[in-house]
Amino acid sequence: MQRDSGPLVPLHWIGFGYAALVASGGIIGYAKAGSVPSLAAGLLFGSLAGLGAYQLSKDPRNIWVFLATSGTLAGIMGMRFYRSGKFMPAGLIAGASLLMVAKLGISVLNRPHQ
């Protein structure tokens, strides 16, 4: 009997990549425009996303920090994208955050019930 090896790339690895994207966005915002709020928000949300990805790696049911972080960023950056119409950086982060929320939701729905 063939055993299901799970997804091609575990969700927590995608989460670590997302956390790096968010943190690097804050760093780039600071480097290009000298925006300290960008740096602070990028590092804060990147760290929270990293914590959420770490928690996912330990227990796939522990999605709440990651879900709250990506959901909050989807809302905040989605509004910034809507107001400015600029894809970089607001649209990119809003889209990535929305994809993370969707991926987390799908993983919860596909999880075997206990």
C-alpha atoms as a PDB file:
ATOM      1  CA  MET A   1       0.000   0.000   0.000  1.00  0.00           C
ATOM      2  CA  GLN A   2       1.337   3.455  -0.988  1.00  0.00           C
ATOM      3  CA  ARG A   3       1.607   5.893   1.888  1.00  0.00           C
ATOM      4  CA  ASP A   4       0.706   9.545   1.211  1.00  0.00           C
ATOM      5  CA  SER A   5       3.860  11.566   1.749  1.00  0.00           C
ATOM      6  CA  GLY A   6       1.897  14.783   2.173  1.00  0.00           C
ATOM      7  CA  PRO A   7       2.264  17.978   0.200  1.00  0.00           C
ATOM      8  CA  LEU A   8       5.218  18.543  -2.100  1.00  0.00           C
ATOM      9  CA  VAL A   9       6.402  21.478   0.024  1.00  0.00           C
ATOM     10  CA  PRO A  10       5.291  21.509   3.673  1.00  0.00           C
ATOM     11  CA  LEU A  11       3.200  24.536   4.614  1.00  0.00           C
ATOM     12  CA  HIS A  12       5.671  25.729   7.246  1.00  0.00           C
ATOM     13  CA  TRP A  13       8.437  26.070   4.606  1.00  0.00           C
ATOM     14  CA  ILE A  14       6.128  28.230   2.515  1.00  0.00           C
ATOM     15  CA  GLY A  15       5.454  30.163   5.717  1.00  0.00           C
ATOM     16  CA  PHE A  16       9.155  30.784   6.330  1.00  0.00           C
ATOM     17  CA  GLY A  17       9.484  32.106   2.772  1.00  0.00           C
ATOM     18  CA  TYR A  18       6.486  34.380   3.334  1.00  0.00           C
ATOM     19  CA  ALA A  19       8.017  35.653   6.597  1.00  0.00           C
ATOM     20  CA  ALA A  20      11.276  36.422   4.776  1.00  0.00           C
ATOM     21  CA  LEU A  21       9.336  38.270   2.052  1.00  0.00           C
ATOM     22  CA  VAL A  22       7.540  40.443   4.611  1.00  0.00           C
ATOM     23  CA  ALA A  23      10.693  41.229   6.602  1.00  0.00           C
ATOM     24  CA  SER A  24      12.731  41.990   3.485  1.00  0.00           C
ATOM     25  CA  GLY A  25       9.955  44.289   2.274  1.00  0.00           C
ATOM     26  CA  GLY A  26      10.351  46.363   5.422  1.00  0.00           C
ATOM     27  CA  ILE A  27      14.118  46.434   5.044  1.00  0.00           C
ATOM     28  CA  ILE A  28      13.877  47.487   1.387  1.00  0.00           C
ATOM     29  CA  GLY A  29      11.334  50.187   2.284  1.00  0.00           C
ATOM     30  CA  TYR A  30      13.785  51.562   4.807  1.00  0.00           C
ATOM     31  CA  ALA A  31      16.760  51.351   2.429  1.00  0.00           C
ATOM     32  CA  LYS A  32      14.952  53.060  -0.460  1.00  0.00           C
ATOM     33  CA  ALA A  33      12.889  55.698   1.320  1.00  0.00           C
ATOM     34  CA  GLY A  34      14.360  55.859   4.828  1.00  0.00           C
ATOM     35  CA  SER A  35      10.967  54.767   6.178  1.00  0.00           C
ATOM     36  CA  VAL A  36      11.391  53.714   9.801  1.00  0.00           C
ATOM     37  CA  PRO A  37       7.683  52.694  10.073  1.00  0.00           C
ATOM     38  CA  SER A  38       8.198  50.394   7.069  1.00  0.00           C
ATOM     39  CA  LEU A  39      11.215  48.829   8.725  1.00  0.00           C
ATOM     40  CA  ALA A  40       9.439  48.382  12.061  1.00  0.00           C
ATOM     41  CA  ALA A  41       6.258  46.949  10.531  1.00  0.00           C
ATOM     42  CA  GLY A  42       8.176  44.650   8.182  1.00  0.00           C
ATOM     43  CA  LEU A  43      10.322  43.259  10.969  1.00  0.00           C
ATOM     44  CA  LEU A  44       7.375  42.929  13.376  1.00  0.00           C
ATOM     45  CA  PHE A  45       5.066  41.175  10.930  1.00  0.00           C
ATOM     46  CA  GLY A  46       7.930  39.144   9.443  1.00  0.00           C
ATOM     47  CA  SER A  47       8.875  37.946  12.925  1.00  0.00           C
ATOM     48  CA  LEU A  48       5.263  37.068  13.752  1.00  0.00           C
ATOM     49  CA  ALA A  49       4.921  35.170  10.469  1.00  0.00           C
ATOM     50  CA  GLY A  50       8.186  33.366  11.229  1.00  0.00           C
ATOM     51  CA  LEU A  51       6.877  32.443  14.683  1.00  0.00           C
ATOM     52  CA  GLY A  52       3.658  31.176  13.102  1.00  0.00           C
ATOM     53  CA  ALA A  53       5.610  29.088  10.582  1.00  0.00           C
ATOM     54  CA  TYR A  54       7.743  27.670  13.402  1.00  0.00           C
ATOM     55  CA  GLN A  55       4.607  26.755  15.351  1.00  0.00           C
ATOM     56  CA  LEU A  56       3.230  25.052  12.220  1.00  0.00           C
ATOM     57  CA  SER A  57       6.420  23.016  11.924  1.00  0.00           C
ATOM     58  CA  LYS A  58       5.911  21.698  15.460  1.00  0.00           C
ATOM     59  CA  ASP A  59       2.135  21.150  15.270  1.00  0.00           C
ATOM     60  CA  PRO A  60       0.235  21.510  11.965  1.00  0.00           C
ATOM     61  CA  ARG A  61      -2.936  22.342  13.900  1.00  0.00           C
ATOM     62  CA  ASN A  62      -1.368  25.422  15.513  1.00  0.00           C
ATOM     63  CA  ILE A  63      -2.230  27.947  12.791  1.00  0.00           C
ATOM     64  CA  TRP A  64      -3.571  30.871  14.825  1.00  0.00           C
ATOM     65  CA  VAL A  65      -0.547  33.204  15.037  1.00  0.00           C
ATOM     66  CA  PHE A  66       0.193  32.647  11.363  1.00  0.00           C
ATOM     67  CA  LEU A  67      -3.442  33.094  10.343  1.00  0.00           C
ATOM     68  CA  ALA A  68      -3.831  36.301  12.383  1.00  0.00           C
ATOM     69  CA  THR A  69      -0.593  37.740  10.991  1.00  0.00           C
ATOM     70  CA  SER A  70      -1.301  36.982   7.338  1.00  0.00           C
ATOM     71  CA  GLY A  71      -4.960  38.003   7.686  1.00  0.00           C
ATOM     72  CA  THR A  72      -4.033  41.326   9.254  1.00  0.00           C
ATOM     73  CA  LEU A  73      -1.443  42.025   6.567  1.00  0.00           C
ATOM     74  CA  ALA A  74      -3.911  41.061   3.826  1.00  0.00           C
ATOM     75  CA  GLY A  75      -6.361  43.635   5.186  1.00  0.00           C
ATOM     76  CA  ILE A  76      -3.900  46.457   5.826  1.00  0.00           C
ATOM     77  CA  MET A  77      -1.919  46.075   2.614  1.00  0.00           C
ATOM     78  CA  GLY A  78      -5.068  45.364   0.603  1.00  0.00           C
ATOM     79  CA  MET A  79      -6.454  48.748   1.662  1.00  0.00           C
ATOM     80  CA  ARG A  80      -3.142  50.452   0.825  1.00  0.00           C
ATOM     81  CA  PHE A  81      -3.156  48.796  -2.594  1.00  0.00           C
ATOM     82  CA  TYR A  82      -6.785  49.814  -3.185  1.00  0.00           C
ATOM     83  CA  ARG A  83      -6.040  53.446  -2.281  1.00  0.00           C
ATOM     84  CA  SER A  84      -2.729  53.801  -4.128  1.00  0.00           C
ATOM     85  CA  GLY A  85      -3.149  51.381  -7.016  1.00  0.00           C
ATOM     86  CA  LYS A  86       0.580  50.596  -6.697  1.00  0.00           C
ATOM     87  CA  PHE A  87       1.497  46.932  -6.878  1.00  0.00           C
ATOM     88  CA  MET A  88       4.841  47.426  -5.118  1.00  0.00           C
ATOM     89  CA  PRO A  89       4.903  46.854  -2.216  1.00  0.00           C
ATOM     90  CA  ALA A  90       1.272  46.929  -1.089  1.00  0.00           C
ATOM     91  CA  GLY A  91      -0.197  44.756  -3.842  1.00  0.00           C
ATOM     92  CA  LEU A  92       2.546  42.147  -3.594  1.00  0.00           C
ATOM     93  CA  ILE A  93       2.235  41.753   0.181  1.00  0.00           C
ATOM     94  CA  ALA A  94      -1.578  41.863   0.045  1.00  0.00           C
ATOM     95  CA  GLY A  95      -1.605  39.128  -2.605  1.00  0.00           C
ATOM     96  CA  ALA A  96       0.943  36.962  -0.809  1.00  0.00           C
ATOM     97  CA  SER A  97      -0.957  37.393   2.466  1.00  0.00           C
ATOM     98  CA  LEU A  98      -4.257  36.507   0.849  1.00  0.00           C
ATOM     99  CA  LEU A  99      -2.677  33.394  -0.643  1.00  0.00           C
ATOM    100  CA  MET A 100      -1.335  32.400   2.792  1.00  0.00           C
ATOM    101  CA  VAL A 101      -4.781  32.832   4.379  1.00  0.00           C
ATOM    102  CA  ALA A 102      -6.276  30.680   1.603  1.00  0.00           C
ATOM    103  CA  LYS A 103      -3.550  28.029   1.954  1.00  0.00           C
ATOM    104  CA  LEU A 104      -4.078  27.872   5.719  1.00  0.00           C
ATOM    105  CA  GLY A 105      -7.830  27.557   5.223  1.00  0.00           C
ATOM    106  CA  ILE A 106      -7.397  24.756   2.702  1.00  0.00           C
ATOM    107  CA  SER A 107      -5.010  22.918   5.020  1.00  0.00           C
ATOM    108  CA  VAL A 108      -7.566  23.115   7.843  1.00  0.00           C
ATOM    109  CA  LEU A 109     -10.373  21.848   5.593  1.00  0.00           C
ATOM    110  CA  ASN A 110      -8.239  18.963   4.267  1.00  0.00           C
ATOM    111  CA  ARG A 111      -7.071  17.876   7.710  1.00  0.00           C
ATOM    112  CA  PRO A 112      -8.523  14.549   8.892  1.00  0.00           C
ATOM    113  CA  HIS A 113     -11.130  15.042  11.595  1.00  0.00           C
ATOM    114  CA  GLN A 114     -10.256  13.678  15.003  1.00  0.00           C
END
